[in-house]
Amino acid sequence: SDEEKELALKMKGILDRIDEETRIDRTTAFRAVLDKMAKEPNENWSLHYMATLLEALLYFMLNEGNEKIDEEEHNE
């Protein structure tokens, strides 16, 4: 459907940003989202939910995750 295509493009864009703007590669990020979804009831599984999790992961990595990694490297 058009909605699914739009969500797939949105997820591709998020994964592109993860590759370009973080220290995590897209495959690792995608696997983390799949692992999270596997712990959820099947009725929660959807492309929309997956896109939401990817956005949350990107937001965390850009706003908190990279800062923690930088601090850890600085303290070594």
C-alpha atoms as a PDB file:
ATOM      1  CA  SER A   1       0.000   0.000   0.000  1.00  0.00           C
ATOM      2  CA  ASP A   2       1.017   3.649  -0.283  1.00  0.00           C
ATOM      3  CA  GLU A   3       1.220   3.928   3.504  1.00  0.00           C
ATOM      4  CA  GLU A   4       3.608   0.968   3.699  1.00  0.00           C
ATOM      5  CA  LYS A   5       5.795   2.451   0.960  1.00  0.00           C
ATOM      6  CA  GLU A   6       5.878   5.770   2.811  1.00  0.00           C
ATOM      7  CA  LEU A   7       6.855   4.053   6.071  1.00  0.00           C
ATOM      8  CA  ALA A   8       9.544   2.017   4.292  1.00  0.00           C
ATOM      9  CA  LEU A   9      11.030   5.218   2.831  1.00  0.00           C
ATOM     10  CA  LYS A  10      10.865   6.874   6.246  1.00  0.00           C
ATOM     11  CA  MET A  11      12.722   3.932   7.820  1.00  0.00           C
ATOM     12  CA  LYS A  12      15.321   4.017   5.050  1.00  0.00           C
ATOM     13  CA  GLY A  13      15.896   7.694   5.791  1.00  0.00           C
ATOM     14  CA  ILE A  14      16.287   7.007   9.503  1.00  0.00           C
ATOM     15  CA  LEU A  15      18.700   4.146   8.820  1.00  0.00           C
ATOM     16  CA  ASP A  16      20.673   6.401   6.461  1.00  0.00           C
ATOM     17  CA  ARG A  17      20.974   8.984   9.258  1.00  0.00           C
ATOM     18  CA  ILE A  18      22.053   6.297  11.728  1.00  0.00           C
ATOM     19  CA  ASP A  19      24.804   5.243   9.304  1.00  0.00           C
ATOM     20  CA  GLU A  20      25.933   8.811   8.663  1.00  0.00           C
ATOM     21  CA  GLU A  21      25.493  10.529  12.025  1.00  0.00           C
ATOM     22  CA  THR A  22      26.214   7.861  14.646  1.00  0.00           C
ATOM     23  CA  ARG A  23      28.787   5.232  15.420  1.00  0.00           C
ATOM     24  CA  ILE A  24      26.253   2.455  14.934  1.00  0.00           C
ATOM     25  CA  ASP A  25      25.687   0.889  11.526  1.00  0.00           C
ATOM     26  CA  ARG A  26      22.199   0.438  10.072  1.00  0.00           C
ATOM     27  CA  THR A  27      22.266  -3.347  10.420  1.00  0.00           C
ATOM     28  CA  THR A  28      23.023  -3.191  14.137  1.00  0.00           C
ATOM     29  CA  ALA A  29      20.292  -0.588  14.645  1.00  0.00           C
ATOM     30  CA  PHE A  30      17.767  -2.629  12.674  1.00  0.00           C
ATOM     31  CA  ARG A  31      18.617  -5.775  14.640  1.00  0.00           C
ATOM     32  CA  ALA A  32      18.190  -3.879  17.915  1.00  0.00           C
ATOM     33  CA  VAL A  33      14.708  -2.821  16.818  1.00  0.00           C
ATOM     34  CA  LEU A  34      13.835  -6.378  15.788  1.00  0.00           C
ATOM     35  CA  ASP A  35      15.078  -7.665  19.161  1.00  0.00           C
ATOM     36  CA  LYS A  36      12.907  -5.106  20.950  1.00  0.00           C
ATOM     37  CA  MET A  37       9.887  -6.020  18.832  1.00  0.00           C
ATOM     38  CA  ALA A  38      10.415  -9.740  19.519  1.00  0.00           C
ATOM     39  CA  LYS A  39       9.787  -9.016  23.205  1.00  0.00           C
ATOM     40  CA  GLU A  40       6.488  -7.282  22.418  1.00  0.00           C
ATOM     41  CA  PRO A  41       3.129  -8.961  21.778  1.00  0.00           C
ATOM     42  CA  ASN A  42       2.601  -9.789  18.108  1.00  0.00           C
ATOM     43  CA  GLU A  43      -0.307  -7.353  17.862  1.00  0.00           C
ATOM     44  CA  ASN A  44       2.183  -4.490  18.358  1.00  0.00           C
ATOM     45  CA  TRP A  45       4.238  -5.545  15.352  1.00  0.00           C
ATOM     46  CA  SER A  46       3.822  -3.152  12.446  1.00  0.00           C
ATOM     47  CA  LEU A  47       5.873  -1.000  10.112  1.00  0.00           C
ATOM     48  CA  HIS A  48       4.608   2.052  11.989  1.00  0.00           C
ATOM     49  CA  TYR A  49       5.855   0.640  15.311  1.00  0.00           C
ATOM     50  CA  MET A  50       9.184  -0.282  13.735  1.00  0.00           C
ATOM     51  CA  ALA A  51       9.606   3.241  12.334  1.00  0.00           C
ATOM     52  CA  THR A  52       8.751   4.705  15.747  1.00  0.00           C
ATOM     53  CA  LEU A  53      11.386   2.537  17.442  1.00  0.00           C
ATOM     54  CA  LEU A  54      14.002   3.482  14.840  1.00  0.00           C
ATOM     55  CA  GLU A  55      13.223   7.182  15.367  1.00  0.00           C
ATOM     56  CA  ALA A  56      13.526   6.776  19.124  1.00  0.00           C
ATOM     57  CA  LEU A  57      16.840   4.955  18.727  1.00  0.00           C
ATOM     58  CA  LEU A  58      18.188   7.669  16.431  1.00  0.00           C
ATOM     59  CA  TYR A  59      17.051  10.406  18.812  1.00  0.00           C
ATOM     60  CA  PHE A  60      18.716   8.647  21.750  1.00  0.00           C
ATOM     61  CA  MET A  61      21.977   8.127  19.883  1.00  0.00           C
ATOM     62  CA  LEU A  62      22.127  11.721  18.669  1.00  0.00           C
ATOM     63  CA  ASN A  63      21.185  13.287  21.992  1.00  0.00           C
ATOM     64  CA  GLU A  64      22.536  10.945  24.642  1.00  0.00           C
ATOM     65  CA  GLY A  65      24.220   7.869  23.241  1.00  0.00           C
ATOM     66  CA  ASN A  66      27.118   9.563  21.470  1.00  0.00           C
ATOM     67  CA  GLU A  67      27.790  11.811  24.464  1.00  0.00           C
ATOM     68  CA  LYS A  68      28.141   8.743  26.704  1.00  0.00           C
ATOM     69  CA  ILE A  69      30.455   7.052  24.203  1.00  0.00           C
ATOM     70  CA  ASP A  70      32.586  10.220  23.972  1.00  0.00           C
ATOM     71  CA  GLU A  71      32.802  10.443  27.770  1.00  0.00           C
ATOM     72  CA  GLU A  72      33.859   6.806  28.039  1.00  0.00           C
ATOM     73  CA  GLU A  73      36.617   7.254  25.450  1.00  0.00           C
ATOM     74  CA  HIS A  74      37.774  10.468  27.124  1.00  0.00           C
ATOM     75  CA  ASN A  75      38.061   8.720  30.484  1.00  0.00           C
ATOM     76  CA  GLU A  76      40.147   5.824  29.132  1.00  0.00           C
END
